[in-house]
Amino acid sequence: MITPLHERLDEYEGDIWWLPLHRSPRSRFLNALHTMQDFIDSESGRNYDIWQLFASTVDFFDNHPWLWRLTRNLKCEHEWFCSELIAELYNRTGVIKQVCAAETTPIDLCRFKIFQHGYVQLKGEEKEIRRFNSFLPDNWGQWLTEDDEHVDELIR
């Protein structure tokens, strides 16, 4: 669903921050504007993936030999949740590299070390983003697909 930003700002009842990209990630993003626009256009109208959103936040079974299938997301490009879509967009524009978008939560995005040192809270009660901009995102999570012959080995 495409929603104009001003409407989202007016209607959303949660906290909203603006996290400006640092110079180098911003440059990669701007150099790939056509890639970004093509990707966003191709994904418009996809369903919201509530199940993978939930599984991305519940990771305590991710390394279990057979229970991992309950909480470990597989790469899926026919439905998206919000932070998954942004992580995939950042993958495709070169801002981050080989991040498992399906395992990326909103707080994960905020902790990726790709932003300027400061951020601005646009809405909500003033709060700090804990561990903001604190770790390198490259290779965050693992890409798993149902066709992967070694999927059980990958989660160990």
Protein backbone atom coordinates (compact mmCIF):
# COMPACT_ATOMS: atom_id res chain seq x y z
CA MET A 1 0.00 0.00 0.00
CA ILE A 2 1.38 3.38 -0.96
CA THR A 3 0.62 6.12 1.56
CA PRO A 4 1.82 9.71 1.24
CA LEU A 5 4.29 10.51 4.01
CA HIS A 6 2.29 13.45 5.34
CA GLU A 7 -0.73 11.15 5.80
CA ARG A 8 1.34 8.54 7.59
CA LEU A 9 2.78 11.19 9.90
CA ASP A 10 -0.72 12.49 10.70
CA GLU A 11 -2.41 9.10 11.18
CA TYR A 12 0.29 6.91 12.76
CA GLU A 13 -0.08 6.73 16.53
CA GLY A 14 3.39 5.41 17.34
CA ASP A 15 6.83 6.96 17.49
CA ILE A 16 8.47 8.19 14.28
CA TRP A 17 12.13 9.06 13.74
CA TRP A 18 14.10 10.37 10.78
CA LEU A 19 17.46 8.63 10.48
CA PRO A 20 19.50 10.27 7.70
CA LEU A 21 21.88 7.99 5.84
CA HIS A 22 25.59 8.65 6.23
CA ARG A 23 27.45 10.10 3.24
CA SER A 24 28.69 6.84 1.66
CA PRO A 25 25.45 4.79 2.00
CA ARG A 26 23.48 7.84 0.86
CA SER A 27 25.69 8.16 -2.22
CA ARG A 28 25.15 4.47 -3.10
CA PHE A 29 21.41 4.90 -2.60
CA LEU A 30 21.22 8.01 -4.77
CA ASN A 31 23.30 6.36 -7.50
CA ALA A 32 20.73 3.57 -7.64
CA LEU A 33 17.55 5.66 -7.78
CA HIS A 34 16.37 3.87 -10.94
CA THR A 35 16.91 0.50 -9.25
CA MET A 36 15.00 1.74 -6.23
CA GLN A 37 12.09 3.08 -8.26
CA ASP A 38 11.86 -0.07 -10.39
CA PHE A 39 11.85 -2.24 -7.26
CA ILE A 40 9.21 -0.15 -5.47
CA ASP A 41 7.02 -0.08 -8.59
CA SER A 42 7.29 -3.86 -9.00
CA GLU A 43 6.31 -4.50 -5.38
CA SER A 44 3.36 -2.13 -5.15
CA GLY A 45 0.18 -3.96 -4.15
CA ARG A 46 1.88 -6.95 -2.51
CA ASN A 47 0.30 -8.37 0.64
CA TYR A 48 1.55 -7.50 4.12
CA ASP A 49 3.40 -10.48 5.60
CA ILE A 50 2.22 -10.58 9.20
CA TRP A 51 3.55 -14.14 9.77
CA GLN A 52 7.11 -13.34 8.78
CA LEU A 53 6.95 -10.10 10.77
CA PHE A 54 6.13 -12.13 13.86
CA ALA A 55 8.79 -14.77 13.13
CA SER A 56 11.46 -12.09 12.57
CA THR A 57 10.94 -10.88 16.14
CA VAL A 58 10.94 -14.34 17.75
CA ASP A 59 14.41 -15.80 17.33
CA PHE A 60 14.83 -18.19 20.25
CA PHE A 61 14.32 -21.31 18.08
CA ASP A 62 16.46 -20.11 15.15
CA ASN A 63 19.36 -22.47 15.93
CA HIS A 64 17.34 -25.50 17.03
CA PRO A 65 17.86 -28.55 14.73
CA TRP A 66 14.18 -28.77 13.71
CA LEU A 67 12.19 -26.04 15.52
CA TRP A 68 13.99 -23.33 13.51
CA ARG A 69 11.22 -23.61 10.89
CA LEU A 70 8.83 -21.96 13.38
CA THR A 71 10.83 -18.74 13.76
CA ARG A 72 13.45 -18.58 11.00
CA ASN A 73 12.17 -16.74 7.93
CA LEU A 74 12.80 -17.97 4.44
CA LYS A 75 13.41 -15.50 1.62
CA CYS A 76 9.98 -14.66 0.25
CA GLU A 77 9.38 -11.97 -2.35
CA HIS A 78 5.62 -12.15 -2.79
CA GLU A 79 4.71 -10.61 0.58
CA TRP A 80 6.57 -8.03 2.69
CA PHE A 81 6.53 -6.50 6.13
CA CYS A 82 7.74 -2.91 6.54
CA SER A 83 11.36 -3.34 7.66
CA GLU A 84 11.83 -6.35 5.36
CA LEU A 85 10.88 -4.23 2.35
CA ILE A 86 13.31 -1.46 3.37
CA ALA A 87 16.13 -3.95 4.05
CA GLU A 88 15.61 -5.49 0.61
CA LEU A 89 15.57 -2.02 -0.95
CA TYR A 90 18.86 -1.24 0.83
CA ASN A 91 20.27 -4.58 -0.44
CA ARG A 92 19.31 -3.81 -4.03
CA THR A 93 20.70 -0.26 -3.95
CA GLY A 94 24.02 -1.30 -2.36
CA VAL A 95 23.48 0.50 0.95
CA ILE A 96 23.92 -2.86 2.71
CA LYS A 97 25.23 -6.19 1.45
CA GLN A 98 23.68 -9.64 1.66
CA VAL A 99 21.36 -8.86 4.54
CA CYS A 100 18.54 -11.32 5.13
CA ALA A 101 15.67 -8.88 4.73
CA ALA A 102 13.16 -11.42 6.06
CA GLU A 103 14.96 -11.46 9.42
CA THR A 104 15.35 -7.67 9.70
CA THR A 105 13.16 -5.92 12.26
CA PRO A 106 12.66 -2.15 12.54
CA ILE A 107 15.11 -1.96 15.47
CA ASP A 108 17.68 -3.95 13.43
CA LEU A 109 17.47 -1.29 10.72
CA CYS A 110 18.05 1.45 13.32
CA ARG A 111 21.13 -0.36 14.61
CA PHE A 112 22.76 -0.84 11.20
CA LYS A 113 25.81 1.40 11.01
CA ILE A 114 24.74 3.29 7.89
CA PHE A 115 23.38 6.51 9.36
CA GLN A 116 24.72 9.91 10.33
CA HIS A 117 25.54 10.32 14.01
CA GLY A 118 22.26 11.98 14.93
CA TYR A 119 18.60 11.38 14.27
CA VAL A 120 15.42 13.40 14.75
CA GLN A 121 12.26 12.20 16.44
CA LEU A 122 9.32 13.49 14.43
CA LYS A 123 6.46 12.12 16.51
CA GLY A 124 5.78 10.52 19.87
CA GLU A 125 7.12 10.85 23.37
CA GLU A 126 10.85 11.58 23.26
CA LYS A 127 12.88 8.36 23.42
CA GLU A 128 16.39 7.25 22.64
CA ILE A 129 16.98 4.54 20.05
CA ARG A 130 19.09 2.07 22.02
CA ARG A 131 22.29 0.97 20.25
CA PHE A 132 21.47 3.26 17.31
CA ASN A 133 23.97 3.00 14.43
CA SER A 134 26.02 0.44 16.35
CA PHE A 135 26.86 -2.53 14.11
CA LEU A 136 27.82 -3.31 10.53
CA PRO A 137 24.86 -4.83 8.71
CA ASP A 138 26.67 -6.80 6.00
CA ASN A 139 25.66 -10.47 6.05
CA TRP A 140 23.04 -9.87 8.78
CA GLY A 141 21.03 -13.09 9.11
CA GLN A 142 21.29 -15.76 6.47
CA TRP A 143 19.43 -16.24 3.22
CA LEU A 144 17.50 -19.47 3.47
CA THR A 145 15.21 -20.85 0.82
CA GLU A 146 13.09 -23.97 0.76
CA ASP A 147 15.23 -25.18 -2.17
CA ASP A 148 18.50 -24.89 -0.22
CA GLU A 149 19.99 -28.39 0.04
CA HIS A 150 22.02 -27.45 3.12
CA VAL A 151 19.36 -25.52 5.04
CA ASP A 152 19.77 -27.67 8.19
CA GLU A 153 23.53 -27.08 8.18
CA LEU A 154 23.10 -23.32 7.72
CA ILE A 155 21.18 -22.87 10.96
CA ARG A 156 23.70 -24.71 13.14
